[in-house]
Amino acid sequence: MEISMLIIWIVAAVVVLFLIASYNKLVVLRNRARNGFSQIDVQLKRRANLIPNLVKTVKGYAKHEKTVLENITKARAALLKADKTADKAKADNMLTGALKSLFAVAENYPQLKANENFLKLQEELSGTEDKVAYSRQFYNDTVMSLNNSIETFPTNMIANLFRFKKMEFFRAPEGERKAVKVEF
């Protein structure tokens, strides 16, 4: 009788440890995903803060390129207002397209392309774009791990019990997936 009670206690302890480990894993993954999204947000805000300086530098050279500058300003405002993952992705892609137009306009102004402020801002923006891409990748990788844990057995039982929800990936719209040719 004592051996069977010991086996029952061991099995119960293993089950409890499994439940605790699974719950903790889900919490860690959810928090990593939230952190990853925050990092995307930080980089997008950094980029949005660089843009007024870039626009100001270009304005002096390209006074008649008003539409391009207005589109950048609108896209930046939309990015700063966006709250949800899908809205941020859409606004981010709109801003990326507007910036590509700006750099294409800069091609027409050799003295602007040689301007030290413009070059520095362009370099900072390029570095920020790399950070945005890395942050998106980290976020999506973490969301994938979380979603896999929520959907796979046996952690799906714990996820359902504690109401863990799948998270949304940071996606580019269909039109933004094509390679873009930008010449400087």
N, C-alpha and C. Protein backbone atom coordinates (compact mmCIF):
# COMPACT_ATOMS: atom_id res chain seq x y z
N MET A 1 0.82 -1.19 0.00
CA MET A 1 0.00 0.00 0.00
C MET A 1 0.87 1.26 0.00
N GLU A 2 1.98 1.24 0.74
CA GLU A 2 2.86 2.41 0.82
C GLU A 2 3.52 2.71 -0.51
N ILE A 3 3.88 1.71 -1.26
CA ILE A 3 4.53 1.92 -2.56
C ILE A 3 3.54 2.54 -3.54
N SER A 4 2.30 2.08 -3.54
CA SER A 4 1.30 2.66 -4.45
C SER A 4 1.01 4.12 -4.08
N MET A 5 1.00 4.45 -2.81
CA MET A 5 0.82 5.85 -2.39
C MET A 5 2.01 6.69 -2.83
N LEU A 6 3.20 6.14 -2.72
CA LEU A 6 4.40 6.86 -3.15
C LEU A 6 4.35 7.11 -4.66
N ILE A 7 3.92 6.15 -5.42
CA ILE A 7 3.81 6.31 -6.88
C ILE A 7 2.76 7.37 -7.20
N ILE A 8 1.64 7.36 -6.50
CA ILE A 8 0.60 8.37 -6.73
C ILE A 8 1.14 9.76 -6.42
N TRP A 9 1.88 9.90 -5.34
CA TRP A 9 2.47 11.20 -4.97
C TRP A 9 3.50 11.65 -6.01
N ILE A 10 4.28 10.74 -6.50
CA ILE A 10 5.28 11.08 -7.52
C ILE A 10 4.59 11.52 -8.80
N VAL A 11 3.58 10.77 -9.23
CA VAL A 11 2.84 11.13 -10.44
C VAL A 11 2.17 12.50 -10.26
N ALA A 12 1.57 12.73 -9.11
CA ALA A 12 0.91 14.01 -8.84
C ALA A 12 1.94 15.16 -8.85
N ALA A 13 3.09 14.91 -8.27
CA ALA A 13 4.16 15.93 -8.25
C ALA A 13 4.64 16.24 -9.67
N VAL A 14 4.79 15.22 -10.50
CA VAL A 14 5.22 15.41 -11.88
C VAL A 14 4.17 16.22 -12.65
N VAL A 15 2.91 15.90 -12.45
CA VAL A 15 1.84 16.63 -13.13
C VAL A 15 1.83 18.10 -12.69
N VAL A 16 1.95 18.33 -11.40
CA VAL A 16 1.97 19.71 -10.89
C VAL A 16 3.18 20.47 -11.43
N LEU A 17 4.34 19.83 -11.45
CA LEU A 17 5.54 20.47 -12.00
C LEU A 17 5.36 20.78 -13.49
N PHE A 18 4.74 19.86 -14.22
CA PHE A 18 4.47 20.08 -15.64
C PHE A 18 3.54 21.28 -15.82
N LEU A 19 2.49 21.35 -15.03
CA LEU A 19 1.55 22.47 -15.11
C LEU A 19 2.25 23.80 -14.83
N ILE A 20 3.06 23.83 -13.81
CA ILE A 20 3.78 25.04 -13.45
C ILE A 20 4.75 25.44 -14.56
N ALA A 21 5.51 24.47 -15.06
CA ALA A 21 6.48 24.76 -16.12
C ALA A 21 5.79 25.24 -17.39
N SER A 22 4.70 24.60 -17.75
CA SER A 22 3.97 25.01 -18.96
C SER A 22 3.38 26.40 -18.81
N TYR A 23 2.78 26.67 -17.69
CA TYR A 23 2.20 28.00 -17.44
C TYR A 23 3.30 29.06 -17.51
N ASN A 24 4.40 28.81 -16.83
CA ASN A 24 5.51 29.77 -16.83
C ASN A 24 6.06 29.99 -18.23
N LYS A 25 6.15 28.93 -19.01
CA LYS A 25 6.64 29.05 -20.39
C LYS A 25 5.72 29.96 -21.20
N LEU A 26 4.42 29.77 -21.05
CA LEU A 26 3.46 30.60 -21.77
C LEU A 26 3.55 32.06 -21.35
N VAL A 27 3.71 32.29 -20.07
CA VAL A 27 3.84 33.67 -19.57
C VAL A 27 5.10 34.32 -20.12
N VAL A 28 6.20 33.60 -20.11
CA VAL A 28 7.47 34.14 -20.63
C VAL A 28 7.34 34.47 -22.11
N LEU A 29 6.76 33.57 -22.89
CA LEU A 29 6.60 33.82 -24.32
C LEU A 29 5.68 35.01 -24.58
N ARG A 30 4.59 35.10 -23.84
CA ARG A 30 3.67 36.24 -24.01
C ARG A 30 4.39 37.55 -23.68
N ASN A 31 5.17 37.54 -22.60
CA ASN A 31 5.90 38.76 -22.22
C ASN A 31 6.98 39.12 -23.23
N ARG A 32 7.65 38.11 -23.79
CA ARG A 32 8.64 38.37 -24.84
C ARG A 32 7.98 38.98 -26.07
N ALA A 33 6.82 38.46 -26.43
CA ALA A 33 6.10 38.99 -27.59
C ALA A 33 5.69 40.44 -27.33
N ARG A 34 5.19 40.72 -26.14
CA ARG A 34 4.83 42.10 -25.80
C ARG A 34 6.05 43.01 -25.83
N ASN A 35 7.15 42.52 -25.31
CA ASN A 35 8.39 43.29 -25.34
C ASN A 35 8.85 43.51 -26.78
N GLY A 36 8.75 42.47 -27.60
CA GLY A 36 9.12 42.59 -29.01
C GLY A 36 8.30 43.64 -29.71
N PHE A 37 7.00 43.67 -29.44
CA PHE A 37 6.14 44.69 -30.05
C PHE A 37 6.53 46.07 -29.55
N SER A 38 6.87 46.18 -28.28
CA SER A 38 7.32 47.47 -27.74
C SER A 38 8.60 47.93 -28.41
N GLN A 39 9.50 46.99 -28.71
CA GLN A 39 10.74 47.36 -29.39
C GLN A 39 10.47 47.86 -30.81
N ILE A 40 9.51 47.23 -31.49
CA ILE A 40 9.12 47.75 -32.81
C ILE A 40 8.62 49.17 -32.65
N ASP A 41 7.78 49.37 -31.65
CA ASP A 41 7.21 50.69 -31.40
C ASP A 41 8.30 51.72 -31.13
N VAL A 42 9.28 51.35 -30.33
CA VAL A 42 10.39 52.26 -30.01
C VAL A 42 11.13 52.66 -31.29
N GLN A 43 11.42 51.69 -32.15
CA GLN A 43 12.16 51.99 -33.38
C GLN A 43 11.32 52.80 -34.35
N LEU A 44 10.02 52.52 -34.41
CA LEU A 44 9.16 53.30 -35.30
C LEU A 44 9.06 54.74 -34.81
N LYS A 45 9.01 54.93 -33.51
CA LYS A 45 8.97 56.30 -32.97
C LYS A 45 10.30 57.00 -33.21
N ARG A 46 11.39 56.26 -33.09
CA ARG A 46 12.71 56.85 -33.37
C ARG A 46 12.76 57.33 -34.82
N ARG A 47 12.28 56.48 -35.71
CA ARG A 47 12.25 56.85 -37.12
C ARG A 47 11.34 58.06 -37.33
N ALA A 48 10.19 58.05 -36.68
CA ALA A 48 9.25 59.18 -36.81
C ALA A 48 9.87 60.47 -36.29
N ASN A 49 10.71 60.37 -35.29
CA ASN A 49 11.37 61.57 -34.75
C ASN A 49 12.48 62.08 -35.67
N LEU A 50 13.08 61.20 -36.45
CA LEU A 50 14.12 61.62 -37.40
C LEU A 50 13.52 62.33 -38.61
N ILE A 51 12.31 61.98 -38.94
CA ILE A 51 11.70 62.45 -40.18
C ILE A 51 11.53 63.97 -40.24
N PRO A 52 11.07 64.65 -39.18
CA PRO A 52 10.94 66.11 -39.30
C PRO A 52 12.26 66.79 -39.67
N ASN A 53 13.36 66.30 -39.12
CA ASN A 53 14.67 66.87 -39.47
C ASN A 53 15.01 66.62 -40.93
N LEU A 54 14.71 65.43 -41.39
CA LEU A 54 14.97 65.08 -42.79
C LEU A 54 14.11 65.94 -43.72
N VAL A 55 12.84 66.08 -43.38
CA VAL A 55 11.93 66.89 -44.19
C VAL A 55 12.40 68.34 -44.21
N LYS A 56 12.80 68.85 -43.07
CA LYS A 56 13.27 70.24 -42.98
C LYS A 56 14.50 70.46 -43.86
N THR A 57 15.40 69.49 -43.85
CA THR A 57 16.60 69.59 -44.68
C THR A 57 16.24 69.57 -46.16
N VAL A 58 15.32 68.70 -46.53
CA VAL A 58 14.93 68.59 -47.94
C VAL A 58 14.12 69.81 -48.38
N LYS A 59 13.31 70.37 -47.50
CA LYS A 59 12.45 71.51 -47.86
C LYS A 59 13.25 72.67 -48.45
N GLY A 60 14.41 72.91 -47.90
CA GLY A 60 15.22 74.01 -48.39
C GLY A 60 15.65 73.82 -49.83
N TYR A 61 15.78 72.60 -50.27
CA TYR A 61 16.23 72.31 -51.62
C TYR A 61 15.08 72.03 -52.58
N ALA A 62 14.02 71.45 -52.07
CA ALA A 62 12.96 70.95 -52.95
C ALA A 62 11.63 71.62 -52.62
N LYS A 63 11.58 72.91 -52.76
CA LYS A 63 10.38 73.65 -52.37
C LYS A 63 9.15 73.25 -53.18
N HIS A 64 9.34 72.86 -54.42
CA HIS A 64 8.18 72.52 -55.25
C HIS A 64 7.76 71.05 -55.12
N GLU A 65 8.42 70.27 -54.28
CA GLU A 65 8.09 68.86 -54.06
C GLU A 65 7.14 68.73 -52.86
N LYS A 66 6.15 69.58 -52.81
CA LYS A 66 5.24 69.69 -51.68
C LYS A 66 4.47 68.40 -51.41
N THR A 67 4.01 67.71 -52.43
CA THR A 67 3.21 66.51 -52.27
C THR A 67 3.99 65.42 -51.54
N VAL A 68 5.22 65.23 -51.90
CA VAL A 68 6.06 64.21 -51.26
C VAL A 68 6.21 64.51 -49.78
N LEU A 69 6.49 65.75 -49.46
CA LEU A 69 6.67 66.14 -48.06
C LEU A 69 5.37 66.02 -47.27
N GLU A 70 4.24 66.35 -47.89
CA GLU A 70 2.95 66.22 -47.22
C GLU A 70 2.63 64.75 -46.95
N ASN A 71 2.94 63.88 -47.91
CA ASN A 71 2.69 62.45 -47.72
C ASN A 71 3.51 61.89 -46.56
N ILE A 72 4.73 62.36 -46.43
CA ILE A 72 5.57 61.90 -45.32
C ILE A 72 4.99 62.37 -44.00
N THR A 73 4.55 63.61 -43.96
CA THR A 73 3.96 64.14 -42.73
C THR A 73 2.69 63.38 -42.35
N LYS A 74 1.84 63.08 -43.32
CA LYS A 74 0.61 62.31 -43.05
C LYS A 74 0.94 60.90 -42.58
N ALA A 75 1.90 60.27 -43.23
CA ALA A 75 2.27 58.90 -42.86
C ALA A 75 2.86 58.86 -41.45
N ARG A 76 3.66 59.85 -41.12
CA ARG A 76 4.25 59.93 -39.78
C ARG A 76 3.15 60.10 -38.73
N ALA A 77 2.19 60.97 -39.00
CA ALA A 77 1.09 61.19 -38.06
C ALA A 77 0.28 59.91 -37.88
N ALA A 78 0.03 59.19 -38.97
CA ALA A 78 -0.72 57.93 -38.88
C ALA A 78 0.04 56.91 -38.04
N LEU A 79 1.35 56.86 -38.18
CA LEU A 79 2.16 55.93 -37.41
C LEU A 79 2.11 56.25 -35.92
N LEU A 80 2.18 57.52 -35.59
CA LEU A 80 2.16 57.91 -34.18
C LEU A 80 0.79 57.66 -33.54
N LYS A 81 -0.28 57.68 -34.33
CA LYS A 81 -1.63 57.46 -33.80
C LYS A 81 -1.99 55.98 -33.70
N ALA A 82 -1.34 55.13 -34.46
CA ALA A 82 -1.71 53.71 -34.54
C ALA A 82 -1.49 53.01 -33.20
N ASP A 83 -2.46 52.16 -32.82
CA ASP A 83 -2.35 51.42 -31.57
C ASP A 83 -2.21 49.92 -31.79
N LYS A 84 -3.00 49.38 -32.70
CA LYS A 84 -3.03 47.93 -32.92
C LYS A 84 -1.90 47.51 -33.85
N THR A 85 -1.54 46.24 -33.76
CA THR A 85 -0.47 45.69 -34.58
C THR A 85 -0.72 45.93 -36.06
N ALA A 86 -1.92 45.63 -36.52
CA ALA A 86 -2.23 45.79 -37.95
C ALA A 86 -2.16 47.26 -38.37
N ASP A 87 -2.65 48.16 -37.50
CA ASP A 87 -2.61 49.59 -37.81
C ASP A 87 -1.18 50.10 -37.87
N LYS A 88 -0.35 49.64 -36.94
CA LYS A 88 1.05 50.06 -36.95
C LYS A 88 1.76 49.55 -38.20
N ALA A 89 1.47 48.31 -38.57
CA ALA A 89 2.10 47.74 -39.77
C ALA A 89 1.68 48.54 -41.01
N LYS A 90 0.40 48.86 -41.11
CA LYS A 90 -0.09 49.62 -42.26
C LYS A 90 0.55 51.01 -42.30
N ALA A 91 0.59 51.70 -41.16
CA ALA A 91 1.17 53.04 -41.11
C ALA A 91 2.68 52.99 -41.37
N ASP A 92 3.33 51.97 -40.85
CA ASP A 92 4.77 51.81 -41.08
C ASP A 92 5.06 51.63 -42.57
N ASN A 93 4.26 50.83 -43.23
CA ASN A 93 4.46 50.61 -44.67
C ASN A 93 4.15 51.86 -45.48
N MET A 94 3.16 52.64 -45.05
CA MET A 94 2.84 53.89 -45.73
C MET A 94 4.02 54.86 -45.59
N LEU A 95 4.61 54.91 -44.41
CA LEU A 95 5.75 55.79 -44.18
C LEU A 95 6.97 55.34 -44.96
N THR A 96 7.19 54.04 -45.03
CA THR A 96 8.31 53.51 -45.80
C THR A 96 8.19 53.92 -47.27
N GLY A 97 6.99 53.81 -47.82
CA GLY A 97 6.77 54.21 -49.21
C GLY A 97 7.00 55.70 -49.42
N ALA A 98 6.56 56.51 -48.47
CA ALA A 98 6.75 57.95 -48.58
C ALA A 98 8.23 58.32 -48.51
N LEU A 99 8.97 57.62 -47.66
CA LEU A 99 10.41 57.90 -47.56
C LEU A 99 11.14 57.49 -48.84
N LYS A 100 10.70 56.43 -49.47
CA LYS A 100 11.31 56.02 -50.74
C LYS A 100 11.10 57.11 -51.79
N SER A 101 9.91 57.71 -51.78
CA SER A 101 9.63 58.82 -52.70
C SER A 101 10.54 60.00 -52.41
N LEU A 102 10.74 60.26 -51.13
CA LEU A 102 11.60 61.38 -50.73
C LEU A 102 13.02 61.17 -51.24
N PHE A 103 13.54 59.97 -51.07
CA PHE A 103 14.91 59.72 -51.52
C PHE A 103 15.01 59.74 -53.04
N ALA A 104 13.93 59.36 -53.71
CA ALA A 104 13.92 59.47 -55.18
C ALA A 104 13.94 60.94 -55.59
N VAL A 105 13.22 61.79 -54.87
CA VAL A 105 13.22 63.24 -55.15
C VAL A 105 14.62 63.80 -54.90
N ALA A 106 15.26 63.34 -53.86
CA ALA A 106 16.60 63.83 -53.52
C ALA A 106 17.59 63.59 -54.65
N GLU A 107 17.32 62.59 -55.46
CA GLU A 107 18.18 62.28 -56.60
C GLU A 107 18.27 63.47 -57.56
N ASN A 108 17.22 64.27 -57.63
CA ASN A 108 17.18 65.42 -58.53
C ASN A 108 17.94 66.63 -58.01
N TYR A 109 18.45 66.54 -56.80
CA TYR A 109 19.12 67.69 -56.18
C TYR A 109 20.54 67.28 -55.74
N PRO A 110 21.52 67.42 -56.62
CA PRO A 110 22.89 66.99 -56.28
C PRO A 110 23.44 67.70 -55.04
N GLN A 111 23.12 68.98 -54.88
CA GLN A 111 23.64 69.68 -53.71
C GLN A 111 23.01 69.15 -52.42
N LEU A 112 21.75 68.66 -52.50
CA LEU A 112 21.12 68.05 -51.33
C LEU A 112 21.79 66.72 -51.00
N LYS A 113 22.05 65.93 -52.03
CA LYS A 113 22.70 64.64 -51.81
C LYS A 113 24.07 64.80 -51.18
N ALA A 114 24.70 65.94 -51.40
CA ALA A 114 26.03 66.19 -50.84
C ALA A 114 25.95 66.89 -49.48
N ASN A 115 24.76 67.33 -49.07
CA ASN A 115 24.58 68.04 -47.81
C ASN A 115 24.88 67.10 -46.64
N GLU A 116 25.73 67.55 -45.74
CA GLU A 116 26.18 66.72 -44.62
C GLU A 116 25.02 66.32 -43.71
N ASN A 117 24.11 67.27 -43.43
CA ASN A 117 22.96 66.94 -42.59
C ASN A 117 22.08 65.87 -43.23
N PHE A 118 21.84 66.03 -44.53
CA PHE A 118 21.02 65.05 -45.24
C PHE A 118 21.68 63.68 -45.20
N LEU A 119 22.97 63.63 -45.45
CA LEU A 119 23.68 62.34 -45.45
C LEU A 119 23.65 61.69 -44.07
N LYS A 120 23.83 62.51 -43.04
CA LYS A 120 23.81 61.97 -41.67
C LYS A 120 22.41 61.45 -41.33
N LEU A 121 21.38 62.22 -41.66
CA LEU A 121 20.01 61.79 -41.40
C LEU A 121 19.67 60.53 -42.19
N GLN A 122 20.12 60.49 -43.44
CA GLN A 122 19.87 59.32 -44.27
C GLN A 122 20.55 58.09 -43.66
N GLU A 123 21.75 58.25 -43.15
CA GLU A 123 22.46 57.14 -42.52
C GLU A 123 21.76 56.69 -41.24
N GLU A 124 21.32 57.65 -40.42
CA GLU A 124 20.60 57.30 -39.19
C GLU A 124 19.29 56.59 -39.51
N LEU A 125 18.61 57.06 -40.54
CA LEU A 125 17.36 56.45 -40.95
C LEU A 125 17.60 55.02 -41.44
N SER A 126 18.66 54.83 -42.17
CA SER A 126 19.01 53.50 -42.66
C SER A 126 19.29 52.55 -41.48
N GLY A 127 20.04 53.03 -40.49
CA GLY A 127 20.30 52.22 -39.30
C GLY A 127 19.03 51.89 -38.54
N THR A 128 18.14 52.87 -38.48
CA THR A 128 16.86 52.65 -37.81
C THR A 128 16.02 51.63 -38.56
N GLU A 129 16.05 51.69 -39.89
CA GLU A 129 15.31 50.70 -40.70
C GLU A 129 15.80 49.29 -40.38
N ASP A 130 17.13 49.14 -40.22
CA ASP A 130 17.67 47.83 -39.86
C ASP A 130 17.16 47.38 -38.49
N LYS A 131 17.10 48.32 -37.55
CA LYS A 131 16.60 48.00 -36.21
C LYS A 131 15.12 47.65 -36.24
N VAL A 132 14.36 48.35 -37.07
CA VAL A 132 12.93 48.03 -37.21
C VAL A 132 12.78 46.61 -37.76
N ALA A 133 13.56 46.28 -38.77
CA ALA A 133 13.48 44.94 -39.36
C ALA A 133 13.85 43.87 -38.34
N TYR A 134 14.90 44.11 -37.56
CA TYR A 134 15.30 43.14 -36.54
C TYR A 134 14.20 43.01 -35.47
N SER A 135 13.64 44.14 -35.06
CA SER A 135 12.59 44.12 -34.05
C SER A 135 11.37 43.36 -34.54
N ARG A 136 11.01 43.56 -35.81
CA ARG A 136 9.88 42.82 -36.39
C ARG A 136 10.17 41.32 -36.38
N GLN A 137 11.38 40.98 -36.78
CA GLN A 137 11.74 39.56 -36.83
C GLN A 137 11.68 38.93 -35.43
N PHE A 138 12.24 39.62 -34.44
CA PHE A 138 12.22 39.11 -33.07
C PHE A 138 10.77 38.94 -32.59
N TYR A 139 9.96 39.95 -32.84
CA TYR A 139 8.55 39.89 -32.42
C TYR A 139 7.85 38.71 -33.09
N ASN A 140 7.99 38.59 -34.40
CA ASN A 140 7.31 37.51 -35.12
C ASN A 140 7.81 36.14 -34.69
N ASP A 141 9.11 36.00 -34.44
CA ASP A 141 9.64 34.72 -33.96
C ASP A 141 9.05 34.36 -32.60
N THR A 142 8.94 35.35 -31.73
CA THR A 142 8.39 35.11 -30.40
C THR A 142 6.89 34.80 -30.47
N VAL A 143 6.17 35.53 -31.32
CA VAL A 143 4.75 35.26 -31.49
C VAL A 143 4.56 33.85 -32.04
N MET A 144 5.42 33.43 -32.96
CA MET A 144 5.31 32.08 -33.50
C MET A 144 5.51 31.04 -32.38
N SER A 145 6.50 31.25 -31.54
CA SER A 145 6.73 30.30 -30.43
C SER A 145 5.54 30.27 -29.48
N LEU A 146 5.01 31.44 -29.16
CA LEU A 146 3.85 31.51 -28.27
C LEU A 146 2.65 30.82 -28.92
N ASN A 147 2.36 31.15 -30.15
CA ASN A 147 1.21 30.55 -30.84
C ASN A 147 1.37 29.04 -30.98
N ASN A 148 2.59 28.58 -31.25
CA ASN A 148 2.83 27.13 -31.32
C ASN A 148 2.54 26.47 -29.98
N SER A 149 2.98 27.10 -28.91
CA SER A 149 2.74 26.53 -27.57
C SER A 149 1.25 26.52 -27.24
N ILE A 150 0.54 27.55 -27.67
CA ILE A 150 -0.89 27.62 -27.40
C ILE A 150 -1.65 26.55 -28.18
N GLU A 151 -1.14 26.19 -29.34
CA GLU A 151 -1.86 25.25 -30.22
C GLU A 151 -1.43 23.79 -30.07
N THR A 152 -0.26 23.53 -29.49
CA THR A 152 0.23 22.15 -29.46
C THR A 152 -0.07 21.47 -28.13
N PHE A 153 -0.26 20.19 -28.23
CA PHE A 153 -0.53 19.37 -27.06
C PHE A 153 0.77 19.08 -26.33
N PRO A 154 0.82 19.10 -25.07
CA PRO A 154 -0.22 19.25 -24.06
C PRO A 154 -0.35 20.69 -23.52
N THR A 155 0.55 21.60 -23.96
CA THR A 155 0.47 22.96 -23.40
C THR A 155 -0.81 23.68 -23.83
N ASN A 156 -1.45 23.21 -24.89
CA ASN A 156 -2.70 23.86 -25.29
C ASN A 156 -3.78 23.74 -24.21
N MET A 157 -3.72 22.66 -23.42
CA MET A 157 -4.69 22.50 -22.33
C MET A 157 -4.46 23.57 -21.26
N ILE A 158 -3.22 23.83 -20.94
CA ILE A 158 -2.91 24.86 -19.94
C ILE A 158 -3.25 26.23 -20.50
N ALA A 159 -2.93 26.44 -21.79
CA ALA A 159 -3.24 27.72 -22.42
C ALA A 159 -4.74 27.99 -22.41
N ASN A 160 -5.53 26.98 -22.71
CA ASN A 160 -6.98 27.13 -22.68
C ASN A 160 -7.49 27.35 -21.26
N LEU A 161 -6.93 26.62 -20.32
CA LEU A 161 -7.34 26.74 -18.93
C LEU A 161 -7.11 28.16 -18.41
N PHE A 162 -5.98 28.77 -18.77
CA PHE A 162 -5.65 30.11 -18.28
C PHE A 162 -5.95 31.20 -19.31
N ARG A 163 -6.66 30.85 -20.36
CA ARG A 163 -7.15 31.79 -21.39
C ARG A 163 -6.04 32.57 -22.09
N PHE A 164 -4.97 31.89 -22.43
CA PHE A 164 -3.93 32.52 -23.25
C PHE A 164 -4.47 32.64 -24.67
N LYS A 165 -4.24 33.76 -25.30
CA LYS A 165 -4.72 34.00 -26.66
C LYS A 165 -3.55 34.08 -27.62
N LYS A 166 -3.82 33.62 -28.85
CA LYS A 166 -2.81 33.76 -29.90
C LYS A 166 -2.60 35.24 -30.18
N MET A 167 -1.40 35.60 -30.58
CA MET A 167 -1.09 36.98 -30.92
C MET A 167 -0.96 37.11 -32.42
N GLU A 168 -1.10 38.32 -32.89
CA GLU A 168 -1.07 38.63 -34.32
C GLU A 168 0.36 38.92 -34.76
N PHE A 169 0.74 38.39 -35.93
CA PHE A 169 2.05 38.67 -36.49
C PHE A 169 2.08 40.09 -37.04
N PHE A 170 3.27 40.66 -37.09
CA PHE A 170 3.48 41.97 -37.71
C PHE A 170 3.72 41.69 -39.19
N ARG A 171 2.75 42.02 -40.03
CA ARG A 171 2.80 41.65 -41.45
C ARG A 171 2.86 42.88 -42.34
N ALA A 172 3.49 42.69 -43.47
CA ALA A 172 3.49 43.71 -44.51
C ALA A 172 2.30 43.44 -45.43
N PRO A 173 1.64 44.49 -45.90
CA PRO A 173 0.54 44.28 -46.85
C PRO A 173 1.05 43.62 -48.13
N GLU A 174 0.16 43.03 -48.87
CA GLU A 174 0.50 42.29 -50.08
C GLU A 174 1.36 43.10 -51.04
N GLY A 175 1.01 44.35 -51.29
CA GLY A 175 1.75 45.18 -52.23
C GLY A 175 3.16 45.53 -51.77
N GLU A 176 3.41 45.49 -50.47
CA GLU A 176 4.71 45.85 -49.94
C GLU A 176 5.70 44.69 -49.96
N ARG A 177 5.26 43.52 -50.35
CA ARG A 177 6.14 42.35 -50.32
C ARG A 177 7.04 42.26 -51.53
N LYS A 178 6.75 43.04 -52.54
CA LYS A 178 7.57 43.02 -53.75
C LYS A 178 8.86 43.79 -53.52
N ALA A 179 9.90 43.39 -54.21
CA ALA A 179 11.18 44.09 -54.11
C ALA A 179 11.00 45.48 -54.72
N VAL A 180 11.57 46.46 -54.06
CA VAL A 180 11.46 47.84 -54.51
C VAL A 180 12.80 48.28 -55.07
N LYS A 181 12.75 48.93 -56.20
CA LYS A 181 13.98 49.42 -56.82
C LYS A 181 14.09 50.92 -56.54
N VAL A 182 15.10 51.28 -55.77
CA VAL A 182 15.34 52.68 -55.46
C VAL A 182 16.76 53.02 -55.94
N GLU A 183 16.87 54.07 -56.68
CA GLU A 183 18.18 54.47 -57.21
C GLU A 183 18.56 55.81 -56.61
N PHE A 184 19.81 55.90 -56.23
CA PHE A 184 20.34 57.17 -55.71
C PHE A 184 21.44 57.68 -56.60
